[in-house]
Amino acid sequence: MAWYDANGRDLPWRTTKDPYAILVSEVMAQQTQVDRVIPRWRAWLERWPTVEALAAASPADVIREWQGLGYNRRALAIHQAARQVAAHGWPDDLTQLPGVGRYTADAVACFAFGRDLLPVDVNVRRVTERTGHAFSPAAAQALMDLGATICLARVPRCGSCPLAEHCPSRGSRFEPLRKQGPFEGSFRQRRAAALRLVANAERPLHELGEEVVSSLARDGLVRVIAGTVSLPS
């Protein structure tokens, strides 16, 4: 905790207990670099400062605002979650919200509602597995930063780690984890490019490709009417 006080990352969502703001940060940061998330999170909350404001937005506007963050289904999920919360309040079991898995639920519960839960993301899991120690929820943010900046996946910086003295994995090197295939030239890239075009203006189906449009439509990201592709209203 002393290490965190001196070295913790200055992330804007760490200054709030608003569950909505924290949920947005957690969903945005899934598979997206934190440095890219910070300005987008601020812009999102400026546009929709409350869960009720987001709930009142159209799916089309939400999808447009999300462009560039990737994994666009997350935009629809957080919008659906906002509508559920606006109508019924925050559930005790946050995994009941659309798109909210175990980690995200525990993160919101811990950071917003002060529940005695340690949210375990990839960084927290890495530190706990390598050290063999159990940590309290009070150490959650410190463990996340330790894993993100010191206890790295392949070559940890043990010389700078506050836990190194008693860590059984000190000095170890690790095999790279299996990574997702390259984005360039992938079907994911084609989907993203097609959605960007539709976000700017509706397009004829033949310009985008039926396979790509069918995939986007199954995820609820576009609709096709009489051969024309548009965002959901």
Protein backbone atom coordinates (compact mmCIF):
# COMPACT_ATOMS: atom_id res chain seq x y z
CA MET A 1 0.00 0.00 0.00
CA ALA A 2 2.95 2.33 0.64
CA TRP A 3 4.22 1.50 -2.84
CA TYR A 4 0.80 2.36 -4.29
CA ASP A 5 0.66 5.67 -2.43
CA ALA A 6 3.93 6.66 -4.11
CA ASN A 7 3.48 5.00 -7.52
CA GLY A 8 -0.23 4.49 -8.20
CA ARG A 9 -1.62 5.58 -11.55
CA ASP A 10 -3.63 8.79 -11.56
CA LEU A 11 -6.88 7.49 -13.06
CA PRO A 12 -9.87 9.87 -12.93
CA TRP A 13 -12.46 7.21 -12.01
CA ARG A 14 -10.54 6.52 -8.82
CA THR A 15 -11.80 9.80 -7.38
CA THR A 16 -15.49 8.84 -7.51
CA LYS A 17 -17.81 6.38 -5.80
CA ASP A 18 -20.47 6.74 -8.49
CA PRO A 19 -21.28 3.18 -9.62
CA TYR A 20 -22.31 4.40 -13.06
CA ALA A 21 -19.02 6.22 -13.68
CA ILE A 22 -17.05 3.24 -12.40
CA LEU A 23 -19.05 0.80 -14.54
CA VAL A 24 -18.33 2.90 -17.64
CA SER A 25 -14.61 2.91 -16.85
CA GLU A 26 -14.51 -0.84 -16.30
CA VAL A 27 -16.39 -1.66 -19.51
CA MET A 28 -14.29 0.75 -21.57
CA ALA A 29 -11.04 -0.64 -20.18
CA GLN A 30 -11.82 -4.21 -21.21
CA GLN A 31 -9.15 -5.05 -23.80
CA THR A 32 -8.42 -1.34 -24.32
CA GLN A 33 -5.35 0.55 -23.08
CA VAL A 34 -6.06 2.81 -20.12
CA ASP A 35 -4.39 5.82 -21.76
CA ARG A 36 -6.92 5.58 -24.60
CA VAL A 37 -9.81 5.17 -22.19
CA ILE A 38 -9.23 8.28 -20.05
CA PRO A 39 -10.27 10.96 -22.61
CA ARG A 40 -13.12 8.82 -23.90
CA TRP A 41 -14.43 8.21 -20.38
CA ARG A 42 -14.39 11.94 -19.67
CA ALA A 43 -16.18 12.74 -22.94
CA TRP A 44 -18.78 10.04 -22.27
CA LEU A 45 -19.59 11.35 -18.80
CA GLU A 46 -19.74 14.91 -20.07
CA ARG A 47 -22.34 13.83 -22.60
CA TRP A 48 -24.23 11.42 -20.31
CA PRO A 49 -23.34 12.34 -16.71
CA THR A 50 -25.86 10.00 -15.08
CA VAL A 51 -27.18 6.52 -15.66
CA GLU A 52 -30.59 8.07 -16.40
CA ALA A 53 -29.07 10.29 -19.09
CA LEU A 54 -27.49 7.31 -20.81
CA ALA A 55 -30.70 5.30 -20.51
CA ALA A 56 -32.55 8.05 -22.39
CA ALA A 57 -30.04 8.06 -25.26
CA SER A 58 -30.67 6.24 -28.51
CA PRO A 59 -28.66 3.10 -29.36
CA ALA A 60 -27.43 4.89 -32.49
CA ASP A 61 -25.93 7.76 -30.47
CA VAL A 62 -24.31 5.32 -28.06
CA ILE A 63 -22.73 3.34 -30.89
CA ARG A 64 -21.43 6.53 -32.51
CA GLU A 65 -19.91 7.74 -29.23
CA TRP A 66 -18.19 4.38 -28.76
CA GLN A 67 -16.45 4.39 -32.16
CA GLY A 68 -12.71 3.79 -31.82
CA LEU A 69 -12.89 1.87 -28.55
CA GLY A 70 -13.45 -1.48 -30.27
CA TYR A 71 -15.66 -4.42 -29.35
CA ASN A 72 -18.77 -2.39 -30.13
CA ARG A 73 -21.14 -4.86 -28.49
CA ARG A 74 -19.93 -3.40 -25.21
CA ALA A 75 -21.61 -0.12 -26.14
CA LEU A 76 -24.99 -1.77 -26.49
CA ALA A 77 -24.47 -3.78 -23.30
CA ILE A 78 -23.69 -0.73 -21.17
CA HIS A 79 -26.66 1.09 -22.71
CA GLN A 80 -28.97 -1.83 -21.88
CA ALA A 81 -27.52 -1.98 -18.37
CA ALA A 82 -28.20 1.74 -17.90
CA ARG A 83 -31.81 1.29 -18.95
CA GLN A 84 -32.22 -1.57 -16.50
CA VAL A 85 -30.72 0.43 -13.63
CA ALA A 86 -32.75 3.53 -14.49
CA ALA A 87 -35.93 1.47 -14.37
CA HIS A 88 -35.20 -0.82 -11.42
CA GLY A 89 -32.17 0.48 -9.52
CA TRP A 90 -28.84 -1.25 -9.00
CA PRO A 91 -29.35 -4.99 -8.35
CA ASP A 92 -27.64 -6.69 -5.42
CA ASP A 93 -26.16 -9.16 -7.90
CA LEU A 94 -24.56 -6.90 -10.49
CA THR A 95 -24.02 -9.80 -12.90
CA GLN A 96 -27.75 -9.49 -13.62
CA LEU A 97 -26.91 -6.40 -15.67
CA PRO A 98 -26.32 -6.95 -19.42
CA GLY A 99 -22.66 -7.41 -20.28
CA VAL A 100 -21.50 -7.46 -16.64
CA GLY A 101 -19.40 -10.48 -15.75
CA ARG A 102 -17.91 -11.57 -12.47
CA TYR A 103 -14.88 -9.28 -12.50
CA THR A 104 -16.80 -6.14 -13.54
CA ALA A 105 -19.50 -6.85 -10.96
CA ASP A 106 -16.90 -7.25 -8.21
CA ALA A 107 -15.06 -4.09 -9.30
CA VAL A 108 -18.20 -1.93 -9.12
CA ALA A 109 -19.24 -3.58 -5.86
CA CYS A 110 -15.82 -2.94 -4.30
CA PHE A 111 -15.00 0.53 -5.63
CA ALA A 112 -18.48 2.06 -5.65
CA PHE A 113 -20.40 0.25 -2.92
CA GLY A 114 -17.51 -0.64 -0.61
CA ARG A 115 -18.31 -4.34 -0.49
CA ASP A 116 -15.76 -6.75 0.92
CA LEU A 117 -14.80 -8.22 -2.46
CA LEU A 118 -11.44 -8.36 -4.23
CA PRO A 119 -12.02 -7.87 -7.97
CA VAL A 120 -9.66 -10.23 -9.78
CA ASP A 121 -8.58 -9.04 -13.22
CA VAL A 122 -5.59 -10.41 -15.14
CA ASN A 123 -3.17 -8.19 -13.20
CA VAL A 124 -4.51 -9.11 -9.77
CA ARG A 125 -4.56 -12.79 -10.70
CA ARG A 126 -0.95 -12.64 -11.90
CA VAL A 127 0.31 -11.09 -8.66
CA THR A 128 -1.65 -13.44 -6.40
CA GLU A 129 -0.59 -16.55 -8.34
CA ARG A 130 3.08 -15.60 -8.43
CA THR A 131 3.30 -14.55 -4.79
CA GLY A 132 1.00 -17.22 -3.40
CA HIS A 133 -0.47 -14.64 -1.03
CA ALA A 134 -4.05 -13.62 -0.30
CA PHE A 135 -4.85 -9.92 -0.31
CA SER A 136 -7.71 -7.88 1.10
CA PRO A 137 -10.02 -5.73 -1.05
CA ALA A 138 -8.21 -2.66 0.29
CA ALA A 139 -5.25 -3.65 -1.86
CA ALA A 140 -7.24 -3.99 -5.11
CA GLN A 141 -6.06 -0.82 -6.84
CA ALA A 142 -2.48 -1.40 -5.69
CA LEU A 143 -2.48 -4.95 -7.07
CA MET A 144 -3.90 -3.76 -10.40
CA ASP A 145 -1.14 -1.17 -10.77
CA LEU A 146 1.54 -3.58 -9.59
CA GLY A 147 0.48 -6.09 -12.22
CA ALA A 148 0.17 -3.45 -14.94
CA THR A 149 3.54 -1.76 -14.36
CA ILE A 150 5.85 -4.09 -12.39
CA CYS A 151 4.70 -7.72 -12.29
CA LEU A 152 4.50 -7.92 -16.08
CA ALA A 153 3.34 -10.96 -17.99
CA ARG A 154 6.66 -12.14 -19.44
CA VAL A 155 9.57 -10.32 -17.76
CA PRO A 156 8.53 -8.89 -14.38
CA ARG A 157 10.53 -6.00 -12.93
CA CYS A 158 11.34 -7.77 -9.70
CA GLY A 159 13.99 -5.24 -8.73
CA SER A 160 11.28 -2.60 -8.33
CA CYS A 161 8.63 -4.77 -6.72
CA PRO A 162 7.65 -4.16 -3.07
CA LEU A 163 6.71 -7.85 -2.72
CA ALA A 164 9.90 -9.29 -4.23
CA GLU A 165 11.67 -10.13 -0.96
CA HIS A 166 9.17 -12.85 -0.08
CA CYS A 167 8.00 -13.77 -3.59
CA PRO A 168 8.70 -17.39 -4.62
CA SER A 169 8.60 -16.34 -8.30
CA ARG A 170 11.28 -13.68 -7.98
CA GLY A 171 13.62 -13.66 -10.96
CA SER A 172 11.44 -15.96 -13.06
CA ARG A 173 10.65 -15.43 -16.72
CA PHE A 174 7.40 -16.58 -18.26
CA GLU A 175 6.22 -17.86 -21.61
CA PRO A 176 4.07 -15.46 -23.61
CA LEU A 177 0.36 -16.01 -23.34
CA ARG A 178 -1.54 -16.87 -26.47
CA LYS A 179 -2.58 -13.66 -28.15
CA GLN A 180 -5.50 -12.86 -30.37
CA GLY A 181 -4.76 -12.92 -34.09
CA PRO A 182 -3.68 -9.69 -35.82
CA PHE A 183 -6.37 -7.08 -36.33
CA GLU A 184 -5.03 -5.94 -39.68
CA GLY A 185 -6.84 -7.75 -42.48
CA SER A 186 -9.12 -9.63 -40.09
CA PHE A 187 -12.88 -10.04 -40.11
CA ARG A 188 -12.93 -7.90 -36.96
CA GLN A 189 -11.33 -5.07 -38.93
CA ARG A 190 -13.92 -5.43 -41.71
CA ARG A 191 -16.72 -5.28 -39.13
CA ALA A 192 -15.24 -2.17 -37.51
CA ALA A 193 -14.77 -0.43 -40.86
CA ALA A 194 -18.33 -1.22 -41.95
CA LEU A 195 -19.77 0.04 -38.66
CA ARG A 196 -17.82 3.29 -38.93
CA LEU A 197 -19.30 3.88 -42.37
CA VAL A 198 -22.83 3.21 -41.16
CA ALA A 199 -22.28 5.42 -38.11
CA ASN A 200 -21.60 8.31 -40.49
CA ALA A 201 -24.58 7.63 -42.76
CA GLU A 202 -26.79 4.76 -43.80
CA ARG A 203 -25.32 2.64 -46.59
CA PRO A 204 -26.57 0.22 -49.24
CA LEU A 205 -25.98 -3.39 -48.31
CA HIS A 206 -23.96 -4.18 -51.43
CA GLU A 207 -21.28 -1.62 -50.44
CA LEU A 208 -20.54 -3.33 -47.14
CA GLY A 209 -20.75 -7.05 -47.78
CA GLU A 210 -23.51 -9.36 -46.68
CA GLU A 211 -21.34 -11.48 -44.35
CA VAL A 212 -20.11 -8.47 -42.40
CA VAL A 213 -23.54 -6.86 -42.20
CA SER A 214 -25.16 -10.12 -41.07
CA SER A 215 -22.61 -10.38 -38.26
CA LEU A 216 -23.25 -6.79 -37.15
CA ALA A 217 -27.01 -7.29 -37.35
CA ARG A 218 -26.86 -10.42 -35.17
CA ASP A 219 -25.15 -8.31 -32.50
CA GLY A 220 -27.83 -5.63 -32.76
CA LEU A 221 -25.35 -3.04 -34.03
CA VAL A 222 -27.10 -2.38 -37.35
CA ARG A 223 -30.44 -3.01 -38.99
CA VAL A 224 -31.18 -3.76 -42.63
CA ILE A 225 -34.36 -2.47 -44.27
CA ALA A 226 -35.00 -2.83 -48.00
CA GLY A 227 -31.29 -3.26 -48.74
CA THR A 228 -30.22 -0.25 -46.69
CA VAL A 229 -28.02 -0.59 -43.58
CA SER A 230 -28.42 1.86 -40.69
CA LEU A 231 -27.81 2.07 -36.96
CA PRO A 232 -30.61 0.92 -34.63
CA SER A 233 -32.92 3.76 -33.67
